Protein backbone atom coordinates (compact mmCIF):
# COMPACT_ATOMS: atom_id res chain seq x y z
CA MET A 1 -0.05 -0.07 0.05
CA ASP A 2 0.97 3.82 -0.63
CA LEU A 3 -0.18 7.13 0.62
CA GLU A 4 1.05 10.04 -1.50
CA THR A 5 0.72 13.28 0.72
CA ARG A 6 0.78 17.21 0.07
CA THR A 7 1.55 19.79 2.45
CA ILE A 8 -0.10 22.55 2.41
CA ASP A 9 0.54 25.60 4.98
CA GLY A 10 2.11 22.52 7.20
CA ILE A 11 -0.98 20.53 7.15
CA MET A 12 0.08 17.12 5.18
CA ILE A 13 -2.78 16.00 3.06
CA PRO A 14 -3.18 12.48 1.69
CA TYR A 15 -4.30 12.68 -1.95
CA ALA A 16 -3.94 9.59 -3.48
CA VAL A 17 -3.99 5.92 -2.61
CA SER A 18 -2.88 2.80 -4.46
CA ILE A 19 -3.17 -1.21 -2.70
CA TYR A 20 -1.39 -3.80 -5.02
CA ASP A 21 -2.10 -7.67 -3.88
CA GLY A 22 0.42 -9.37 -6.47
CA GLU A 23 -2.55 -9.57 -9.39
CA ASN A 24 -4.96 -6.67 -8.78
CA ILE A 25 -4.08 -2.90 -8.50
CA ASN A 26 -6.82 -0.15 -6.67
CA SER A 27 -6.18 3.77 -7.02
CA PHE A 28 -8.07 6.50 -4.77
CA TYR A 29 -7.58 9.94 -5.76
CA LEU A 30 -8.91 13.06 -3.83
CA LEU A 31 -10.96 14.79 -6.46
CA ASP A 32 -13.34 11.55 -6.47
CA TYR A 33 -14.43 12.32 -2.97
CA ASN A 34 -15.46 14.96 -0.59
CA ASN A 35 -12.24 14.61 1.66
CA SER A 36 -9.28 12.77 2.17
CA GLU A 37 -10.86 11.00 4.94
CA GLU A 38 -13.39 9.59 2.26
CA MET A 39 -11.06 8.61 0.02
CA LEU A 40 -8.70 6.64 3.09
CA ILE A 41 -12.26 4.86 3.85
CA GLN A 42 -13.00 3.80 1.08
CA ALA A 43 -9.31 2.33 0.10
CA ILE A 44 -9.32 0.17 3.69
CA GLU A 45 -12.98 -1.00 3.05
CA SER A 46 -11.66 -2.32 -0.46
CA ILE A 47 -9.47 -4.90 1.64
CA MET A 48 -11.97 -5.44 4.32
CA ARG A 49 -12.73 -8.76 2.84
CA ASP A 50 -12.87 -12.34 4.18
CA LYS A 51 -10.02 -13.29 1.21
CA TYR A 52 -7.02 -10.95 2.76
CA ASN A 53 -7.80 -12.59 6.59
CA ASN A 54 -4.54 -12.65 8.47
CA TYR A 55 -2.96 -10.71 4.94
CA LYS A 56 0.00 -8.42 6.02
CA VAL A 57 -0.36 -5.09 4.44
CA TYR A 58 2.96 -3.42 4.07
CA LEU A 59 3.53 0.51 3.78
CA HIS A 60 7.39 1.96 3.33
CA ASN A 61 8.24 4.21 6.08
CA PHE A 62 4.61 3.83 7.25
CA SER A 63 5.80 4.80 11.05
CA ASP A 64 6.63 8.38 10.11
CA PHE A 65 3.40 9.72 8.96
CA ASP A 66 1.18 7.04 6.93
CA GLY A 67 0.80 5.29 10.43
CA ILE A 68 -1.42 8.11 11.90
CA PHE A 69 -3.63 8.52 9.16
CA LEU A 70 -4.27 4.86 9.13
CA ILE A 71 -5.05 5.01 12.43
CA THR A 72 -7.43 7.64 12.68
CA ILE A 73 -9.09 6.09 10.00
CA LEU A 74 -9.67 2.72 11.16
CA SER A 75 -10.80 3.57 14.78
CA GLN A 76 -13.66 5.85 12.91
CA LEU A 77 -14.78 1.78 11.56
CA THR A 78 -17.85 0.37 13.18
CA ASN A 79 -17.46 -3.64 14.83
CA ASN A 80 -13.49 -2.69 15.34
CA THR A 81 -10.46 -3.34 17.69
CA ILE A 82 -6.58 -2.03 16.85
CA LYS A 83 -3.90 -3.02 18.83
CA PRO A 84 -1.01 -0.91 18.06
CA ILE A 85 2.95 -2.01 18.36
CA ILE A 86 4.89 0.59 19.40
CA ARG A 87 8.39 1.21 20.46
CA ASP A 88 10.90 4.07 20.81
CA GLY A 89 7.77 6.39 19.13
CA ARG A 90 7.71 4.13 15.90
CA ILE A 91 4.74 2.08 15.15
CA ILE A 92 5.83 -1.05 14.47
CA GLU A 93 2.57 -3.07 13.33
CA PHE A 94 -0.96 -2.86 14.32
CA LYS A 95 -3.56 -5.24 14.29
CA PHE A 96 -6.83 -4.49 12.81
CA ASN A 97 -9.66 -6.94 13.91
CA PHE A 98 -12.93 -6.01 12.35
CA ALA A 99 -16.20 -7.60 11.44
CA PRO A 100 -16.74 -8.46 7.62
CA TYR A 101 -20.68 -7.94 7.98
CA LYS A 102 -22.46 -4.97 9.87
CA GLY A 103 -23.65 -5.91 13.07
CA GLU A 104 -21.52 -9.61 12.90
CA MET A 105 -19.04 -10.07 15.61
CA LYS A 106 -18.25 -13.82 15.27
CA ASN A 107 -15.71 -14.86 12.61
CA LYS A 108 -13.81 -11.64 12.58
CA ILE A 109 -11.20 -11.26 10.51
CA ASN A 110 -7.57 -9.64 10.84
CA LEU A 111 -5.47 -7.45 8.90
CA PHE A 112 -1.59 -6.53 9.70
CA PHE A 113 -0.25 -3.24 9.14
CA ARG A 114 3.62 -3.04 8.87
CA ASP A 115 6.34 -0.88 8.09
CA SER A 116 8.56 -2.40 5.38
CA LEU A 117 11.28 0.44 6.44
CA LEU A 118 11.17 -1.38 9.70
CA LEU A 119 12.58 -4.72 8.11
CA LEU A 120 14.56 -3.12 5.02
CA PRO A 121 15.71 0.15 6.48
CA ASP A 122 16.80 1.79 2.53
CA SER A 123 15.21 4.17 -0.01
CA LEU A 124 12.74 2.21 -2.35
CA ARG A 125 14.90 3.26 -5.38
CA ASP A 126 17.76 1.70 -3.82
CA LEU A 127 16.30 -1.20 -2.79
CA ALA A 128 14.90 -2.01 -6.32
CA ILE A 129 18.06 -1.57 -7.70
CA ASN A 130 19.60 -4.08 -5.14
CA PHE A 131 16.64 -6.48 -5.64
CA LYS A 132 16.74 -6.14 -9.70
CA VAL A 133 12.69 -4.97 -9.82
CA ASP A 134 10.74 -2.67 -11.11
CA ASN A 135 11.88 0.77 -10.07
CA LYS A 136 10.00 3.77 -9.13
CA GLY A 137 8.64 6.63 -11.05
CA ILE A 138 9.31 10.03 -11.40
CA PHE A 139 7.30 12.55 -9.78
CA PRO A 140 7.27 16.17 -8.63
CA HIS A 141 6.80 16.24 -5.10
CA LYS A 142 7.38 20.09 -4.78
CA PHE A 143 4.67 20.66 -7.64
CA VAL A 144 1.94 19.17 -5.40
CA ASN A 145 2.47 20.91 -2.25
CA ASN A 146 2.22 24.64 -4.01
CA LYS A 147 -1.56 25.64 -2.55
CA ASN A 148 -2.34 27.26 -5.82
CA ILE A 149 -1.94 24.05 -8.05
CA SER A 150 -4.98 22.27 -8.74
CA LEU A 151 -5.47 18.34 -8.11
CA ASN A 152 -6.85 18.23 -11.61
CA TYR A 153 -4.01 20.39 -12.94
CA ILE A 154 -3.28 19.81 -16.99
CA GLY A 155 -0.24 21.67 -18.42
CA GLN A 156 3.16 22.35 -19.20
CA ILE A 157 5.49 19.56 -17.46
CA PRO A 158 6.77 21.14 -14.15
CA SER A 159 10.12 22.33 -13.98
CA PHE A 160 13.42 20.35 -13.08
CA SER A 161 13.12 22.62 -9.46
CA GLN A 162 10.11 20.62 -8.78
CA PHE A 163 11.83 17.24 -8.93
CA ASN A 164 13.75 15.43 -5.61
CA ASN A 165 16.78 13.31 -6.22
CA LEU A 166 16.60 13.50 -10.25
CA SER A 167 19.69 14.24 -12.28
CA PHE A 168 19.20 17.04 -15.34
CA GLU A 169 19.41 14.33 -17.69
CA GLU A 170 16.75 12.32 -16.29
CA TYR A 171 14.87 14.91 -16.38
CA LEU A 172 15.31 15.74 -19.93
CA ASN A 173 14.68 12.05 -20.60
CA TYR A 174 11.47 11.99 -18.70
CA CYS A 175 10.35 15.30 -21.02
CA LYS A 176 11.00 13.71 -23.95
CA SER A 177 8.32 10.71 -22.84
CA PHE A 178 6.10 13.15 -23.31
CA LYS A 179 6.80 14.12 -26.45
CA ASP A 180 3.77 12.32 -28.34
CA LYS A 181 1.27 12.62 -24.91
CA GLY A 182 0.39 16.14 -25.21
CA LYS A 183 -0.05 17.89 -22.00
CA TRP A 184 0.99 16.99 -18.45
CA ASN A 185 -1.68 15.55 -16.21
CA LEU A 186 -1.16 15.47 -12.57
CA ARG A 187 -4.16 13.05 -11.79
CA GLU A 188 -2.65 10.29 -14.23
CA GLU A 189 1.30 11.00 -13.16
CA ALA A 190 0.15 10.75 -9.72
CA ILE A 191 -1.54 7.36 -9.74
CA LYS A 192 0.90 6.18 -12.27
CA TYR A 193 3.68 7.05 -9.50
CA CYS A 194 1.71 5.59 -6.40
CA ASN A 195 1.06 2.96 -8.27
CA GLN A 196 4.34 1.70 -9.43
CA ASP A 197 5.75 2.56 -5.98
CA THR A 198 3.20 -0.25 -4.56
CA ILE A 199 4.39 -2.52 -7.54
CA THR A 200 7.95 -2.24 -6.51
CA LEU A 201 7.27 -3.05 -3.14
CA HIS A 202 5.12 -5.47 -3.60
CA GLN A 203 8.34 -6.87 -5.54
CA ILE A 204 10.92 -5.90 -3.29
CA ILE A 205 9.14 -7.94 -0.36
CA SER A 206 8.29 -10.80 -2.52
CA THR A 207 11.82 -11.56 -3.27
CA PHE A 208 13.18 -10.92 0.18
CA GLN A 209 10.88 -13.28 1.34
CA ASN A 210 12.02 -16.14 -0.91
CA LYS A 211 15.39 -15.09 -0.67
CA ILE A 212 15.60 -15.19 2.96
CA PHE A 213 13.80 -18.48 3.00
CA GLU A 214 16.17 -20.26 0.24
CA LEU A 215 18.79 -19.32 2.65
CA PHE A 216 17.70 -19.88 6.23
CA ARG A 217 13.83 -21.61 5.64
CA ILE A 218 12.43 -18.39 7.71
CA ASP A 219 9.28 -16.84 6.84
CA ILE A 220 9.64 -13.51 6.96
CA LEU A 221 5.69 -12.55 7.74
CA LYS A 222 6.21 -13.89 11.11
CA TYR A 223 8.86 -10.80 12.17
CA PRO A 224 7.96 -7.26 11.83
CA THR A 225 11.29 -5.67 11.69
CA LEU A 226 14.62 -6.68 10.56
CA SER A 227 16.10 -7.18 14.30
CA SER A 228 13.57 -9.79 14.99
CA LEU A 229 13.97 -11.49 11.69
CA ALA A 230 17.79 -11.27 12.81
CA PHE A 231 17.04 -12.72 15.99
CA ALA A 232 14.73 -15.96 14.35
CA ILE A 233 17.40 -16.82 12.02
CA TYR A 234 20.09 -16.62 14.76
CA ARG A 235 18.14 -19.20 16.53
CA SER A 236 17.11 -21.05 14.15
CA ASN A 237 20.09 -21.58 12.36
CA PHE A 238 23.09 -20.65 14.39
CA TYR A 239 22.25 -21.11 18.22
CA ARG A 240 23.48 -23.91 20.40
CA GLU A 241 22.18 -24.80 23.28
CA GLU A 242 24.82 -24.80 25.42
CA TYR A 243 25.47 -20.77 24.70
CA LYS A 244 22.38 -20.53 27.75
CA ILE A 245 22.70 -16.56 26.53
CA PRO A 246 21.52 -14.84 30.01
CA LEU A 247 17.82 -13.34 29.76
CA ILE A 248 17.93 -10.66 32.31
CA GLU A 249 15.61 -8.40 34.12
CA GLY A 250 14.81 -6.41 37.27
CA ASP A 251 17.67 -5.39 39.33
CA ILE A 252 20.10 -6.67 37.11
CA PHE A 253 19.29 -5.69 34.37
CA ASN A 254 18.83 -1.84 35.53
CA PHE A 255 22.43 -2.46 37.27
CA ILE A 256 24.41 -3.24 33.88
CA LYS A 257 22.21 -0.33 32.21
CA LYS A 258 23.87 2.30 33.83
CA GLY A 259 27.11 1.16 31.97
CA TYR A 260 25.40 0.69 28.71
CA THR A 261 26.40 3.54 26.50
CA GLY A 262 27.10 3.62 22.25
CA GLY A 263 29.95 4.59 20.14
CA SER A 264 31.72 7.83 20.85
CA VAL A 265 31.58 10.67 18.89
CA ASP A 266 34.05 13.72 19.68
CA VAL A 267 35.77 16.71 17.75
CA TYR A 268 39.01 17.47 18.86
CA LYS A 269 40.16 19.76 16.68
CA PRO A 270 37.97 21.87 14.10
CA THR A 271 39.89 22.23 11.27
CA PRO A 272 43.59 21.21 10.44
CA PRO A 273 46.39 23.62 9.67
CA THR A 274 45.96 24.90 6.37
CA GLY A 275 47.82 23.12 3.44
CA ASP A 276 47.24 20.10 5.52
CA LYS A 277 44.97 16.74 4.55
CA VAL A 278 42.97 14.75 6.66
CA PHE A 279 42.35 11.20 6.25
CA ARG A 280 38.86 9.76 6.88
CA TYR A 281 38.92 6.06 7.43
CA ASP A 282 36.50 3.83 8.19
CA VAL A 283 36.15 0.58 10.05
CA ASN A 284 34.75 -2.14 8.20
CA SER A 285 31.64 -4.07 10.13
CA LEU A 286 32.68 -2.68 13.35
CA TYR A 287 29.87 -4.47 15.67
CA PRO A 288 30.05 -7.71 13.28
CA ASN A 289 33.76 -7.57 14.04
CA ALA A 290 33.15 -7.46 18.11
CA MET A 291 30.85 -10.51 17.77
CA LYS A 292 33.03 -12.87 15.63
CA GLU A 293 35.97 -12.32 17.48
CA PHE A 294 35.25 -11.95 21.36
CA ASN A 295 33.95 -14.54 23.97
CA MET A 296 30.18 -13.13 25.19
CA PRO A 297 28.61 -13.39 28.32
CA ILE A 298 26.78 -16.54 28.93
CA ASP A 299 24.69 -18.54 31.62
CA ASN A 300 23.14 -16.92 34.94
CA PRO A 301 24.82 -14.39 36.52
CA THR A 302 26.84 -14.55 40.14
CA TYR A 303 26.35 -11.46 42.29
CA PHE A 304 29.42 -10.33 44.03
CA GLU A 305 30.53 -7.81 46.32
CA GLY A 306 34.46 -6.46 47.18
CA ASP A 307 37.25 -6.33 44.67
CA LEU A 308 37.68 -9.63 43.26
CA THR A 309 41.44 -9.08 42.40
CA LEU A 310 42.69 -9.11 45.72
CA LEU A 311 41.31 -12.61 46.30
CA ASN A 312 44.68 -15.04 46.71
CA GLU A 313 44.61 -18.51 45.22
CA ASP A 314 43.56 -20.12 48.50
CA SER A 315 40.08 -18.40 49.03
CA GLY A 316 38.69 -21.34 46.84
CA TYR A 317 37.93 -18.87 44.10
CA ASN A 318 37.92 -20.38 40.31
CA LEU A 319 41.68 -19.48 39.57
CA SER A 320 40.54 -18.84 35.79
CA ARG A 321 38.17 -16.12 37.05
CA ARG A 322 40.16 -14.62 40.13
CA LYS A 323 42.76 -13.92 37.23
CA LYS A 324 40.70 -12.01 35.11
CA PRO A 325 37.05 -11.80 36.20
CA PHE A 326 34.33 -11.60 33.70
CA GLY A 327 31.26 -9.37 33.75
CA PHE A 328 29.77 -5.90 34.76
CA PHE A 329 31.57 -4.45 37.67
CA GLU A 330 30.68 -1.14 39.70
CA VAL A 331 34.08 0.47 40.19
CA GLU A 332 35.95 3.68 41.51
CA VAL A 333 37.89 5.03 38.57
CA ASN A 334 40.71 6.98 38.23
CA ALA A 335 41.55 8.10 34.93
CA PRO A 336 45.36 10.42 34.50
CA LEU A 337 44.90 13.65 34.18
CA ASN A 338 47.07 14.16 31.20
CA MET A 339 45.01 12.06 28.91
CA LYS A 340 44.43 14.04 25.87
CA ILE A 341 41.51 11.46 24.61
CA PRO A 342 39.90 9.62 27.46
CA LEU A 343 38.27 6.59 26.78
CA LEU A 344 35.87 5.60 28.97
CA GLN A 345 32.24 6.65 29.03
CA THR A 346 30.19 7.60 31.44
CA LYS A 347 26.50 9.38 31.92
CA ILE A 348 25.94 12.64 33.60
CA LYS A 349 22.40 14.63 34.28
CA ILE A 350 22.06 17.30 32.17
CA GLY A 351 18.60 19.42 33.08
CA ASN A 352 16.21 16.94 32.55
CA GLY A 353 18.07 14.43 30.55
CA THR A 354 21.78 12.74 30.60
CA ARG A 355 24.65 13.45 28.38
CA THR A 356 27.60 10.96 27.80
CA ILE A 357 30.85 12.45 28.37
CA ALA A 358 34.55 10.57 28.56
CA PRO A 359 36.16 12.61 31.71
CA VAL A 360 38.94 12.61 33.58
CA GLY A 361 39.81 12.51 37.05
CA THR A 362 37.70 10.22 39.74
CA TRP A 363 34.22 8.77 39.53
CA THR A 364 32.45 5.57 40.02
CA GLY A 365 30.88 4.00 37.11
CA ILE A 366 29.48 0.35 35.77
CA TYR A 367 31.73 -1.20 32.65
CA PHE A 368 32.44 -4.40 31.00
CA SER A 369 35.52 -6.04 32.30
CA GLU A 370 37.08 -6.25 29.14
CA GLU A 371 36.84 -2.23 28.86
CA ILE A 372 38.32 -2.05 32.43
CA TYR A 373 41.11 -4.23 31.16
CA ASN A 374 42.06 -2.29 28.20
CA ALA A 375 41.83 1.19 29.92
CA GLU A 376 44.35 -0.12 32.42
CA LYS A 377 46.96 -0.27 29.90
CA TYR A 378 46.67 3.13 29.04
CA GLY A 379 46.98 4.47 32.84
CA TYR A 380 43.57 4.04 34.07
CA LYS A 381 42.99 2.67 37.81
CA PHE A 382 40.33 0.83 39.52
CA LYS A 383 39.05 -0.38 42.85
CA ILE A 384 35.98 -2.84 41.77
CA LEU A 385 32.99 -2.51 44.56
CA ARG A 386 30.72 -4.84 43.12
CA GLY A 387 28.87 -6.82 40.37
CA TYR A 388 27.86 -9.81 38.29
CA LEU A 389 30.07 -12.49 37.21
CA PHE A 390 29.22 -14.65 33.84
CA ASN A 391 31.05 -17.49 32.23
CA LYS A 392 32.02 -16.96 28.58
CA ALA A 393 31.60 -18.38 24.96
CA ASN A 394 32.15 -17.30 21.37
CA ILE A 395 28.56 -17.60 20.74
CA PHE A 396 28.41 -15.68 16.99
CA SER A 397 31.14 -16.66 15.26
CA GLU A 398 29.67 -18.85 13.08
CA TYR A 399 26.42 -16.72 12.09
CA VAL A 400 29.17 -13.96 11.11
CA ASP A 401 31.21 -16.15 9.44
CA PHE A 402 28.36 -17.26 6.98
CA LEU A 403 26.69 -13.65 6.48
CA TYR A 404 29.89 -12.06 5.66
CA ASN A 405 31.44 -14.80 2.93
CA LEU A 406 28.27 -14.02 1.72
CA LYS A 407 28.54 -10.49 1.47
CA VAL A 408 32.11 -10.84 -0.20
CA ASN A 409 31.25 -13.37 -2.46
CA SER A 410 28.03 -11.32 -4.09
CA ASP A 411 27.64 -8.10 -6.17
CA LYS A 412 27.23 -4.99 -4.64
CA ASN A 413 23.98 -4.28 -6.44
CA SER A 414 22.40 -7.77 -5.43
CA PRO A 415 19.84 -9.36 -3.43
CA ASP A 416 22.41 -11.31 -1.48
CA TYR A 417 24.50 -8.31 -0.68
CA THR A 418 21.94 -6.51 0.77
CA ILE A 419 20.52 -8.99 2.70
CA SER A 420 23.92 -10.41 4.29
CA LYS A 421 24.74 -6.73 4.97
CA LEU A 422 21.60 -5.74 6.83
CA LEU A 423 21.66 -8.72 8.99
CA LEU A 424 25.23 -8.56 9.78
CA ASN A 425 24.26 -4.73 11.22
CA CYS A 426 20.84 -5.41 13.05
CA LEU A 427 21.70 -8.23 15.22
CA TYR A 428 23.23 -7.06 18.58
CA GLY A 429 20.61 -4.10 19.03
CA ARG A 430 17.86 -6.77 19.33
CA PHE A 431 19.67 -7.87 22.73
CA GLY A 432 19.84 -4.22 24.24
CA MET A 433 16.05 -3.72 23.76
CA ASN A 434 14.30 -2.95 27.16
CA PRO A 435 12.30 -5.82 28.49
CA VAL A 436 9.54 -3.95 30.17
CA MET A 437 7.32 -2.49 26.99
CA GLU A 438 4.89 0.35 26.62
CA ASN A 439 1.35 -0.71 26.16
CA HIS A 440 -1.08 1.53 23.44
CA LEU A 441 -4.92 1.93 23.90
CA ILE A 442 -7.41 3.65 21.53
CA ILE A 443 -10.11 5.47 23.65
CA SER A 444 -12.02 8.26 24.04
CA ASN A 445 -11.44 11.70 24.89
CA LYS A 446 -13.78 11.22 27.73
CA GLU A 447 -12.06 7.87 29.18
CA LEU A 448 -8.76 9.65 29.14
CA ASN A 449 -8.91 10.99 32.66
CA LYS A 450 -9.80 7.20 34.24
CA TYR A 451 -6.12 6.67 33.20
CA TYR A 452 -3.87 8.77 34.78
CA ASN A 453 -4.91 7.16 38.21
CA SER A 454 -3.73 3.22 37.73
CA LYS A 455 -1.10 3.74 34.68
CA THR A 456 1.67 6.05 33.82
CA ILE A 457 1.10 7.74 30.73
CA THR A 458 4.00 8.66 28.16
CA ASN A 459 2.51 10.04 25.16
CA ILE A 460 -0.80 10.92 23.93
CA ILE A 461 -1.65 11.30 20.30
CA ASP A 462 -4.87 13.07 19.29
CA LEU A 463 -6.74 11.58 16.40
CA LYS A 464 -8.68 14.33 15.93
CA ASN A 465 -12.01 12.41 15.68
CA GLY A 466 -12.93 12.24 19.65
CA LYS A 467 -10.28 9.18 19.76
CA GLU A 468 -6.91 9.47 21.29
CA LEU A 469 -3.92 7.16 21.16
CA ILE A 470 -2.25 6.45 24.41
CA SER A 471 1.02 4.94 25.63
CA PHE A 472 1.54 3.78 29.24
CA PHE A 473 3.23 1.70 31.57
CA TYR A 474 1.53 -0.08 34.59
CA GLU A 475 2.72 1.82 37.43
CA VAL A 476 4.48 -1.48 39.17
CA GLU A 477 7.77 -1.81 36.99
CA TRP A 478 8.67 -5.30 36.33
CA SER A 479 5.09 -6.24 36.95
CA GLU A 480 3.72 -9.34 35.46
CA LYS A 481 1.37 -6.84 33.51
CA SER A 482 3.92 -5.05 31.91
CA LYS A 483 6.98 -7.30 31.08
CA THR A 484 6.89 -9.62 28.17
CA ASN A 485 9.20 -12.63 26.58
CA LEU A 486 11.20 -10.40 23.96
CA ASN A 487 14.02 -12.83 24.23
CA ILE A 488 16.62 -9.71 25.50
CA SER A 489 19.72 -9.95 26.99
CA LEU A 490 21.38 -6.68 27.65
CA PRO A 491 24.59 -7.60 28.53
CA ILE A 492 24.84 -9.29 25.13
CA SER A 493 24.56 -5.85 23.58
CA ALA A 494 26.52 -3.94 26.30
CA SER A 495 29.61 -6.43 25.49
CA ILE A 496 29.48 -6.03 21.91
CA THR A 497 29.34 -2.17 21.91
CA ALA A 498 32.26 -2.50 24.85
CA TYR A 499 34.35 -4.29 22.14
CA SER A 500 33.49 -1.81 19.58
CA ARG A 501 34.97 1.13 21.86
CA ILE A 502 38.02 -0.98 22.46
CA HIS A 503 38.72 -1.60 18.79
CA MET A 504 38.50 1.61 18.25
CA SER A 505 40.74 3.38 22.01
CA GLN A 506 43.77 2.06 19.54
CA PHE A 507 43.57 4.81 17.21
CA LYS A 508 42.39 7.25 19.61
CA GLN A 509 45.74 6.73 21.67
CA MET A 510 48.39 6.45 18.39
CA LYS A 511 50.94 8.89 19.75
CA ASP A 512 52.44 9.92 16.39
CA ILE A 513 49.24 11.29 14.60
CA THR A 514 46.91 14.19 14.86
CA LEU A 515 42.73 12.97 15.53
CA TYR A 516 40.36 15.64 14.04
CA TYR A 517 37.49 14.01 14.53
CA SER A 518 36.22 10.10 15.49
CA ASP A 519 32.31 8.36 15.34
CA THR A 520 32.01 5.23 16.33
CA ASP A 521 33.59 3.27 13.69
CA ASN A 522 35.59 6.07 11.57
CA ILE A 523 38.42 8.73 12.03
CA ASP A 524 39.66 11.89 10.51
CA ILE A 525 43.27 12.01 10.93
CA ASP A 526 46.70 13.72 9.38
CA LYS A 527 48.20 11.23 7.70
CA PRO A 528 47.70 7.67 6.18
CA LEU A 529 47.52 4.27 8.77
CA GLU A 530 50.08 1.70 8.53
CA ASP A 531 49.32 -1.03 6.23
CA LYS A 532 48.69 -3.09 8.99
CA TYR A 533 45.35 -2.05 9.75
CA ILE A 534 44.04 -1.61 6.40
CA GLY A 535 42.21 -4.42 4.68
CA LYS A 536 38.90 -5.93 3.66
CA GLY A 537 38.39 -8.42 6.17
CA LEU A 538 36.29 -7.68 9.51
CA GLY A 539 37.69 -5.21 11.64
CA LYS A 540 40.04 -3.67 9.25
CA MET A 541 40.32 0.31 7.87
CA LYS A 542 39.20 1.27 4.66
CA LEU A 543 40.36 4.47 3.40
CA GLU A 544 37.01 6.72 2.51
CA HIS A 545 38.21 10.29 1.65
CA ILE A 546 41.51 12.24 1.69
CA PHE A 547 40.56 15.69 2.35
CA ASP A 548 42.18 18.83 1.18
CA ASP A 549 40.34 20.91 3.73
CA ALA A 550 37.79 20.22 6.11
CA VAL A 551 35.73 21.69 9.21
CA TYR A 552 34.07 19.83 12.17
CA LEU A 553 31.69 22.04 13.85
CA THR A 554 30.15 19.63 16.56
CA PRO A 555 29.56 15.99 16.66
CA LYS A 556 27.87 14.81 13.62
CA VAL A 557 27.81 18.08 11.77
CA TYR A 558 31.25 18.24 9.62
CA GLY A 559 32.49 18.52 5.54
CA GLY A 560 35.40 17.95 3.54
CA ILE A 561 36.56 18.82 0.15
CA THR A 562 38.85 17.51 -2.24
CA ASP A 563 39.60 18.46 -6.05
CA ASN A 564 36.86 16.48 -7.22
CA TYR A 565 34.02 16.93 -4.62
CA GLU A 566 32.59 18.25 -1.52
CA TYR A 567 31.54 15.67 1.26
CA VAL A 568 28.87 17.37 3.76
CA LYS A 569 27.19 15.15 6.97
CA ILE A 570 24.55 17.07 9.19
CA LYS A 571 22.55 14.55 11.52
CA GLY A 572 19.09 14.88 10.34
CA LEU A 573 19.37 16.57 6.91
CA LYS A 574 19.75 14.51 3.58
CA ASN A 575 20.39 15.44 0.22
CA LEU A 576 22.83 18.28 1.20
CA MET A 577 24.62 18.02 -2.29
CA ASN A 578 21.47 18.49 -4.36
């Protein structure tokens, strides 16, 4: 399914809808209805049929805006219930349960609406190329956002400036295609474009479904997100019973969560000296490298208090553990005051939120044991206060090896390459999810007050039809009502991110280079790295750019220039060079 919208005076309005089931396509255009609400109702009712019971309806980027339009419409239809699944503000899926015939409550039919972007996180255009299916069409999106343009416009082809992501050569070819057609018709072009999007998406999903089943004997329709699919693939094809991944919650989860941070992003020098070049290197598959090369926590944890490193061999404590206790520890940290680039991160409170910093001096924090040992090499000192010990094993090597071999032996613009790349980079995040999930309900405006007494409401979306979508937690945290078995293991995710920071620390502490900027998996430095760090293997560096000049304004905001091109990055903005 696809919705096309126009934004007039800051208000987004659907004006075209297409639905494709693999054989038949239905189109709906705003001019044929009194308003967009009536158009959307007609579109939804066209698939409220017995033949589509338990079908999955995919929309690309449905979580961002299409989902609210649809939830609003579905909540108005009679004899139905809607059960949304929302995490981190994104609509993952909602189940629409309805009676196919008016007044009949038995034999209800289910439709599941999903965001295909959460399964295949890339643009539809790039996915079409990689999956070798019919690509998206061309359409002047800026043109329809002009409130002076009627939806029944017939006339000249819109100018080049009205198109996004289109080269001038492509625009000229587009214009040539109308040479024998006469005038340009907005209605015809909008419906054609919307139809093609649904056909392209259906072909992509079908190809993806067949490829995943061919490789892993897994049906993607059972999994609404890429991380849930990756976990299912790992569990059914590579997981062994002896691994015993720790599924933790409660106090242990809260303890490790305090020390769970991601990659570090920092500006060290905003500009290089005049005339100096800057070498940008990226790590090849940083997180998959950590998953393949290192041991992960397994089995149930053991709580301890005191400094284990002070125990002697006669204490009866396991000797191998005594030498190198493995787990997550609360420690007193003493970081050298003369460190130019500190390594260990900690969270501090700022206003109503928190910020992650890497300080010097002394503080108390919670860290993965292997990151502690790595920091000791650079002069950090620690006193262990308490923590949780784990057994360890290399549990992801086969998973990573299989996917990485598939990737390196596949053409870059192929389904296998795309699949392997996506699955390599998304599994670790699944383990770091919060095991306490929000609940979601659609209620009338009048019902809202009673929910304040028994629940902690986190978000309210007014559907503008007398109903509201509320998100809430039950007041008693970790209660049987609020938790669910999601196969989550924070120790695994926290270990992977810590191992990755360890990998990057070697470049931050090199004495013969100047570091201008670093992100989770890249560095910008003043000279080439030694050959031993460069290569195509996991964890090796690859040279991405050599800038003649560069500027780093703040984390995630920077740019560089070469003789041939400019490279600009600003978090949250796309298509900066167009």
